All heavy atoms as atom14 arrays in JSON, in Angstrom:
{
  "sequence": "AVSIMYLVVVVAAQVHGWQLYYSKKLLDSWFTS",
  "atom14_mask": [
    [1, 1, 1, 1, 1, 0, 0, 0, 0, 0, 0, 0, 0, 0],
    [1, 1, 1, 1, 1, 1, 1, 0, 0, 0, 0, 0, 0, 0],
    [1, 1, 1, 1, 1, 1, 0, 0, 0, 0, 0, 0, 0, 0],
    [1, 1, 1, 1, 1, 1, 1, 1, 0, 0, 0, 0, 0, 0],
    [1, 1, 1, 1, 1, 1, 1, 1, 0, 0, 0, 0, 0, 0],
    [1, 1, 1, 1, 1, 1, 1, 1, 1, 1, 1, 1, 0, 0],
    [1, 1, 1, 1, 1, 1, 1, 1, 0, 0, 0, 0, 0, 0],
    [1, 1, 1, 1, 1, 1, 1, 0, 0, 0, 0, 0, 0, 0],
    [1, 1, 1, 1, 1, 1, 1, 0, 0, 0, 0, 0, 0, 0],
    [1, 1, 1, 1, 1, 1, 1, 0, 0, 0, 0, 0, 0, 0],
    [1, 1, 1, 1, 1, 1, 1, 0, 0, 0, 0, 0, 0, 0],
    [1, 1, 1, 1, 1, 0, 0, 0, 0, 0, 0, 0, 0, 0],
    [1, 1, 1, 1, 1, 0, 0, 0, 0, 0, 0, 0, 0, 0],
    [1, 1, 1, 1, 1, 1, 1, 1, 1, 0, 0, 0, 0, 0],
    [1, 1, 1, 1, 1, 1, 1, 0, 0, 0, 0, 0, 0, 0],
    [1, 1, 1, 1, 1, 1, 1, 1, 1, 1, 0, 0, 0, 0],
    [1, 1, 1, 1, 0, 0, 0, 0, 0, 0, 0, 0, 0, 0],
    [1, 1, 1, 1, 1, 1, 1, 1, 1, 1, 1, 1, 1, 1],
    [1, 1, 1, 1, 1, 1, 1, 1, 1, 0, 0, 0, 0, 0],
    [1, 1, 1, 1, 1, 1, 1, 1, 0, 0, 0, 0, 0, 0],
    [1, 1, 1, 1, 1, 1, 1, 1, 1, 1, 1, 1, 0, 0],
    [1, 1, 1, 1, 1, 1, 1, 1, 1, 1, 1, 1, 0, 0],
    [1, 1, 1, 1, 1, 1, 0, 0, 0, 0, 0, 0, 0, 0],
    [1, 1, 1, 1, 1, 1, 1, 1, 1, 0, 0, 0, 0, 0],
    [1, 1, 1, 1, 1, 1, 1, 1, 1, 0, 0, 0, 0, 0],
    [1, 1, 1, 1, 1, 1, 1, 1, 0, 0, 0, 0, 0, 0],
    [1, 1, 1, 1, 1, 1, 1, 1, 0, 0, 0, 0, 0, 0],
    [1, 1, 1, 1, 1, 1, 1, 1, 0, 0, 0, 0, 0, 0],
    [1, 1, 1, 1, 1, 1, 0, 0, 0, 0, 0, 0, 0, 0],
    [1, 1, 1, 1, 1, 1, 1, 1, 1, 1, 1, 1, 1, 1],
    [1, 1, 1, 1, 1, 1, 1, 1, 1, 1, 1, 0, 0, 0],
    [1, 1, 1, 1, 1, 1, 1, 0, 0, 0, 0, 0, 0, 0],
    [1, 1, 1, 1, 1, 1, 0, 0, 0, 0, 0, 0, 0, 0]
  ],
  "atom14_positions": [
    [[-34.02, -105.12, -130.22], [-33.08, -105.63, -129.21], [-33.32, -107.11, -128.94], [-32.37, -107.87, -128.75], [-33.19, -104.83, -127.93], [0.0, 0.0, 0.0], [0.0, 0.0, 0.0], [0.0, 0.0, 0.0], [0.0, 0.0, 0.0], [0.0, 0.0, 0.0], [0.0, 0.0, 0.0], [0.0, 0.0, 0.0], [0.0, 0.0, 0.0], [0.0, 0.0, 0.0]],
    [[-34.58, -107.51, -128.94], [-34.88, -108.91, -128.63], [-34.33, -109.83, -129.74], [-33.83, -110.92, -129.46], [-36.38, -109.13, -128.38], [-37.2, -109.04, -129.66], [-36.64, -110.45, -127.69], [0.0, 0.0, 0.0], [0.0, 0.0, 0.0], [0.0, 0.0, 0.0], [0.0, 0.0, 0.0], [0.0, 0.0, 0.0], [0.0, 0.0, 0.0], [0.0, 0.0, 0.0]],
    [[-34.36, -109.39, -130.98], [-33.81, -110.2, -132.08], [-32.3, -110.33, -131.96], [-31.74, -111.43, -132.11], [-34.15, -109.57, -133.43], [-35.53, -109.48, -133.61], [0.0, 0.0, 0.0], [0.0, 0.0, 0.0], [0.0, 0.0, 0.0], [0.0, 0.0, 0.0], [0.0, 0.0, 0.0], [0.0, 0.0, 0.0], [0.0, 0.0, 0.0], [0.0, 0.0, 0.0]],
    [[-31.65, -109.23, -131.67], [-30.19, -109.25, -131.53], [-29.78, -110.1, -130.33], [-28.86, -110.9, -130.41], [-29.64, -107.82, -131.41], [-29.83, -107.1, -132.75], [-28.18, -107.82, -130.99], [-29.47, -105.64, -132.72], [0.0, 0.0, 0.0], [0.0, 0.0, 0.0], [0.0, 0.0, 0.0], [0.0, 0.0, 0.0], [0.0, 0.0, 0.0], [0.0, 0.0, 0.0]],
    [[-30.49, -109.94, -129.23], [-30.11, -110.67, -128.03], [-30.41, -112.16, -128.16], [-29.7, -112.99, -127.6], [-30.79, -110.07, -126.79], [-30.33, -108.64, -126.51], [-28.55, -108.36, -126.64], [-27.96, -109.2, -125.22], [0.0, 0.0, 0.0], [0.0, 0.0, 0.0], [0.0, 0.0, 0.0], [0.0, 0.0, 0.0], [0.0, 0.0, 0.0], [0.0, 0.0, 0.0]],
    [[-31.47, -112.53, -128.9], [-31.7, -113.95, -129.15], [-30.58, -114.53, -130.01], [-30.16, -115.66, -129.81], [-33.06, -114.19, -129.83], [-34.1, -114.74, -128.89], [-35.21, -114.0, -128.56], [-33.95, -116.0, -128.32], [-36.17, -114.49, -127.69], [-34.89, -116.51, -127.45], [-36.0, -115.75, -127.14], [-36.92, -116.25, -126.27], [0.0, 0.0, 0.0], [0.0, 0.0, 0.0]],
    [[-30.08, -113.75, -130.94], [-28.95, -114.2, -131.74], [-27.72, -114.41, -130.85], [-27.01, -115.42, -130.97], [-28.63, -113.18, -132.84], [-27.48, -113.51, -133.77], [-27.78, -114.78, -134.56], [-27.21, -112.36, -134.7], [0.0, 0.0, 0.0], [0.0, 0.0, 0.0], [0.0, 0.0, 0.0], [0.0, 0.0, 0.0], [0.0, 0.0, 0.0], [0.0, 0.0, 0.0]],
    [[-27.51, -113.49, -129.92], [-26.4, -113.63, -128.96], [-26.58, -114.89, -128.12], [-25.64, -115.64, -127.89], [-26.28, -112.37, -128.08], [-25.33, -112.6, -126.9], [-25.83, -111.17, -128.9], [0.0, 0.0, 0.0], [0.0, 0.0, 0.0], [0.0, 0.0, 0.0], [0.0, 0.0, 0.0], [0.0, 0.0, 0.0], [0.0, 0.0, 0.0], [0.0, 0.0, 0.0]],
    [[-27.82, -115.13, -127.65], [-28.09, -116.31, -126.83], [-27.81, -117.6, -127.62], [-27.2, -118.53, -127.09], [-29.55, -116.29, -126.3], [-29.97, -117.64, -125.75], [-29.71, -115.22, -125.24], [0.0, 0.0, 0.0], [0.0, 0.0, 0.0], [0.0, 0.0, 0.0], [0.0, 0.0, 0.0], [0.0, 0.0, 0.0], [0.0, 0.0, 0.0], [0.0, 0.0, 0.0]],
    [[-28.23, -117.64, -128.87], [-28.02, -118.84, -129.68], [-26.53, -119.09, -129.9], [-26.05, -120.22, -129.73], [-28.77, -118.73, -131.03], [-28.33, -119.79, -132.01], [-30.28, -118.81, -130.79], [0.0, 0.0, 0.0], [0.0, 0.0, 0.0], [0.0, 0.0, 0.0], [0.0, 0.0, 0.0], [0.0, 0.0, 0.0], [0.0, 0.0, 0.0], [0.0, 0.0, 0.0]],
    [[-25.79, -118.06, -130.25], [-24.35, -118.22, -130.49], [-23.64, -118.6, -129.19], [-22.81, -119.52, -129.16], [-23.76, -116.93, -131.11], [-22.24, -117.0, -131.14], [-24.32, -116.71, -132.5], [0.0, 0.0, 0.0], [0.0, 0.0, 0.0], [0.0, 0.0, 0.0], [0.0, 0.0, 0.0], [0.0, 0.0, 0.0], [0.0, 0.0, 0.0], [0.0, 0.0, 0.0]],
    [[-23.97, -117.92, -128.1], [-23.33, -118.21, -126.81], [-23.66, -119.63, -126.34], [-22.78, -120.32, -125.8], [-23.74, -117.19, -125.77], [0.0, 0.0, 0.0], [0.0, 0.0, 0.0], [0.0, 0.0, 0.0], [0.0, 0.0, 0.0], [0.0, 0.0, 0.0], [0.0, 0.0, 0.0], [0.0, 0.0, 0.0], [0.0, 0.0, 0.0], [0.0, 0.0, 0.0]],
    [[-24.89, -120.08, -126.56], [-25.26, -121.44, -126.16], [-24.44, -122.47, -126.93], [-23.99, -123.47, -126.36], [-26.75, -121.67, -126.38], [0.0, 0.0, 0.0], [0.0, 0.0, 0.0], [0.0, 0.0, 0.0], [0.0, 0.0, 0.0], [0.0, 0.0, 0.0], [0.0, 0.0, 0.0], [0.0, 0.0, 0.0], [0.0, 0.0, 0.0], [0.0, 0.0, 0.0]],
    [[-24.21, -122.2, -128.21], [-23.39, -123.12, -128.99], [-21.94, -123.11, -128.52], [-21.31, -124.16, -128.39], [-23.45, -122.76, -130.47], [-24.79, -123.06, -131.09], [-24.85, -122.69, -132.55], [-23.85, -122.3, -133.14], [-26.02, -122.83, -133.14], [0.0, 0.0, 0.0], [0.0, 0.0, 0.0], [0.0, 0.0, 0.0], [0.0, 0.0, 0.0], [0.0, 0.0, 0.0]],
    [[-21.42, -121.93, -128.24], [-20.03, -121.82, -127.76], [-19.88, -122.59, -126.45], [-18.95, -123.39, -126.28], [-19.63, -120.34, -127.59], [-18.35, -120.21, -126.78], [-19.47, -119.67, -128.94], [0.0, 0.0, 0.0], [0.0, 0.0, 0.0], [0.0, 0.0, 0.0], [0.0, 0.0, 0.0], [0.0, 0.0, 0.0], [0.0, 0.0, 0.0], [0.0, 0.0, 0.0]],
    [[-20.8, -122.38, -125.52], [-20.68, -123.06, -124.22], [-20.96, -124.55, -124.34], [-20.34, -125.36, -123.63], [-21.6, -122.41, -123.2], [-21.2, -121.01, -122.87], [-19.97, -120.69, -122.37], [-21.87, -119.84, -123.0], [-19.89, -119.39, -122.2], [-21.04, -118.84, -122.58], [0.0, 0.0, 0.0], [0.0, 0.0, 0.0], [0.0, 0.0, 0.0], [0.0, 0.0, 0.0]],
    [[-21.87, -124.94, -125.22], [-22.12, -126.36, -125.43], [-20.9, -127.08, -125.95], [-20.52, -128.15, -125.45], [0.0, 0.0, 0.0], [0.0, 0.0, 0.0], [0.0, 0.0, 0.0], [0.0, 0.0, 0.0], [0.0, 0.0, 0.0], [0.0, 0.0, 0.0], [0.0, 0.0, 0.0], [0.0, 0.0, 0.0], [0.0, 0.0, 0.0], [0.0, 0.0, 0.0]],
    [[-20.25, -126.51, -126.97], [-19.02, -127.12, -127.5], [-17.9, -127.07, -126.48], [-17.09, -128.0, -126.39], [-18.6, -126.43, -128.8], [-19.43, -126.83, -129.96], [-20.35, -126.09, -130.63], [-19.44, -128.12, -130.6], [-20.92, -126.82, -131.64], [-20.38, -128.07, -131.65], [-18.74, -129.29, -130.38], [-20.64, -129.16, -132.46], [-19.0, -130.38, -131.2], [-19.93, -130.31, -132.22]],
    [[-17.86, -126.0, -125.71], [-16.82, -125.9, -124.68], [-16.98, -127.01, -123.65], [-16.0, -127.65, -123.26], [-16.92, -124.52, -124.01], [-15.81, -124.21, -123.07], [-15.94, -122.8, -122.51], [-16.8, -122.02, -122.91], [-15.09, -122.48, -121.57], [0.0, 0.0, 0.0], [0.0, 0.0, 0.0], [0.0, 0.0, 0.0], [0.0, 0.0, 0.0], [0.0, 0.0, 0.0]],
    [[-18.21, -127.28, -123.24], [-18.45, -128.37, -122.29], [-18.13, -129.73, -122.91], [-17.55, -130.6, -122.26], [-19.9, -128.33, -121.8], [-20.22, -127.25, -120.79], [-21.72, -127.17, -120.55], [-19.49, -127.5, -119.49], [0.0, 0.0, 0.0], [0.0, 0.0, 0.0], [0.0, 0.0, 0.0], [0.0, 0.0, 0.0], [0.0, 0.0, 0.0], [0.0, 0.0, 0.0]],
    [[-18.51, -129.91, -124.16], [-18.25, -131.18, -124.85], [-16.74, -131.44, -124.95], [-16.27, -132.53, -124.6], [-18.89, -131.15, -126.24], [-18.56, -132.35, -127.08], [-19.14, -133.58, -126.83], [-17.65, -132.24, -128.14], [-18.83, -134.69, -127.6], [-17.34, -133.34, -128.92], [-17.93, -134.56, -128.65], [-17.62, -135.65, -129.41], [0.0, 0.0, 0.0], [0.0, 0.0, 0.0]],
    [[-16.0, -130.45, -125.42], [-14.56, -130.62, -125.56], [-13.88, -130.75, -124.19], [-12.9, -131.49, -124.04], [-13.93, -129.47, -126.34], [-14.21, -129.51, -127.82], [-14.5, -128.35, -128.51], [-14.17, -130.7, -128.53], [-14.76, -128.37, -129.88], [-14.42, -130.73, -129.89], [-14.71, -129.57, -130.56], [-14.95, -129.6, -131.9], [0.0, 0.0, 0.0], [0.0, 0.0, 0.0]],
    [[-14.38, -130.06, -123.18], [-13.82, -130.18, -121.84], [-14.01, -131.59, -121.3], [-13.11, -132.15, -120.66], [-14.47, -129.17, -120.89], [-14.14, -127.86, -121.28], [0.0, 0.0, 0.0], [0.0, 0.0, 0.0], [0.0, 0.0, 0.0], [0.0, 0.0, 0.0], [0.0, 0.0, 0.0], [0.0, 0.0, 0.0], [0.0, 0.0, 0.0], [0.0, 0.0, 0.0]],
    [[-15.17, -132.18, -121.56], [-15.42, -133.55, -121.11], [-14.47, -134.53, -121.81], [-13.9, -135.42, -121.18], [-16.88, -133.93, -121.39], [-17.22, -135.38, -121.16], [-17.15, -135.75, -119.7], [-17.67, -137.14, -119.45], [-16.65, -138.11, -119.15], [0.0, 0.0, 0.0], [0.0, 0.0, 0.0], [0.0, 0.0, 0.0], [0.0, 0.0, 0.0], [0.0, 0.0, 0.0]],
    [[-14.27, -134.33, -123.11], [-13.35, -135.2, -123.84], [-11.92, -135.0, -123.35], [-11.16, -135.97, -123.24], [-13.44, -134.94, -125.34], [-14.82, -135.26, -125.87], [-14.99, -135.77, -127.23], [-14.0, -136.54, -127.92], [-14.35, -137.9, -128.21], [0.0, 0.0, 0.0], [0.0, 0.0, 0.0], [0.0, 0.0, 0.0], [0.0, 0.0, 0.0], [0.0, 0.0, 0.0]],
    [[-11.55, -133.76, -123.03], [-10.22, -133.48, -122.5], [-10.05, -134.13, -121.13], [-9.0, -134.72, -120.84], [-10.0, -131.97, -122.41], [-8.63, -131.52, -121.91], [-7.53, -132.0, -122.84], [-8.61, -130.0, -121.8], [0.0, 0.0, 0.0], [0.0, 0.0, 0.0], [0.0, 0.0, 0.0], [0.0, 0.0, 0.0], [0.0, 0.0, 0.0], [0.0, 0.0, 0.0]],
    [[-11.07, -134.06, -120.31], [-11.03, -134.69, -119.0], [-10.83, -136.2, -119.15], [-10.02, -136.8, -118.42], [-12.32, -134.38, -118.25], [-12.36, -134.61, -116.77], [-11.35, -133.73, -116.06], [-13.75, -134.31, -116.24], [0.0, 0.0, 0.0], [0.0, 0.0, 0.0], [0.0, 0.0, 0.0], [0.0, 0.0, 0.0], [0.0, 0.0, 0.0], [0.0, 0.0, 0.0]],
    [[-11.55, -136.82, -120.07], [-11.37, -138.25, -120.33], [-9.95, -138.55, -120.79], [-9.35, -139.54, -120.38], [-12.37, -138.73, -121.39], [-13.8, -138.7, -120.91], [-14.02, -138.62, -119.68], [-14.71, -138.75, -121.77], [0.0, 0.0, 0.0], [0.0, 0.0, 0.0], [0.0, 0.0, 0.0], [0.0, 0.0, 0.0], [0.0, 0.0, 0.0], [0.0, 0.0, 0.0]],
    [[-9.4, -137.68, -121.63], [-8.03, -137.86, -122.11], [-7.04, -137.79, -120.95], [-6.1, -138.59, -120.88], [-7.71, -136.8, -123.16], [-6.35, -136.8, -123.48], [0.0, 0.0, 0.0], [0.0, 0.0, 0.0], [0.0, 0.0, 0.0], [0.0, 0.0, 0.0], [0.0, 0.0, 0.0], [0.0, 0.0, 0.0], [0.0, 0.0, 0.0], [0.0, 0.0, 0.0]],
    [[-7.25, -136.83, -120.06], [-6.35, -136.7, -118.91], [-6.48, -137.88, -117.97], [-5.49, -138.33, -117.39], [-6.63, -135.41, -118.18], [-6.17, -134.19, -118.9], [-5.41, -134.14, -120.04], [-6.42, -132.84, -118.55], [-5.19, -132.84, -120.41], [-5.8, -132.01, -119.51], [-7.13, -132.23, -117.53], [-5.85, -130.63, -119.46], [-7.18, -130.85, -117.48], [-6.55, -130.06, -118.44]],
    [[-7.69, -138.41, -117.79], [-7.86, -139.57, -116.94], [-7.16, -140.78, -117.54], [-6.59, -141.6, -116.83], [-9.34, -139.89, -116.7], [-9.92, -139.16, -115.53], [-11.04, -138.37, -115.69], [-9.35, -139.24, -114.27], [-11.58, -137.68, -114.62], [-9.88, -138.57, -113.2], [-11.0, -137.79, -113.37], [0.0, 0.0, 0.0], [0.0, 0.0, 0.0], [0.0, 0.0, 0.0]],
    [[-7.18, -140.9, -118.86], [-6.49, -142.01, -119.53], [-5.0, -141.96, -119.24], [-4.4, -142.96, -118.89], [-6.74, -141.94, -121.05], [-8.14, -142.03, -121.29], [-6.03, -143.07, -121.76], [0.0, 0.0, 0.0], [0.0, 0.0, 0.0], [0.0, 0.0, 0.0], [0.0, 0.0, 0.0], [0.0, 0.0, 0.0], [0.0, 0.0, 0.0], [0.0, 0.0, 0.0]],
    [[-4.41, -140.77, -119.38], [-2.97, -140.66, -119.14], [-2.65, -140.88, -117.66], [-1.62, -141.45, -117.33], [-2.44, -139.32, -119.62], [-2.9, -138.26, -118.82], [0.0, 0.0, 0.0], [0.0, 0.0, 0.0], [0.0, 0.0, 0.0], [0.0, 0.0, 0.0], [0.0, 0.0, 0.0], [0.0, 0.0, 0.0], [0.0, 0.0, 0.0], [0.0, 0.0, 0.0]]
  ]
}
């Protein structure tokens, strides 16, 4: 279970990291407009 859940943590961390990155870029885009 610990191996599977660490895999879940790694994938989820990447998903949320990219989500935050793209959200910040989107926010900058909206501020520009």
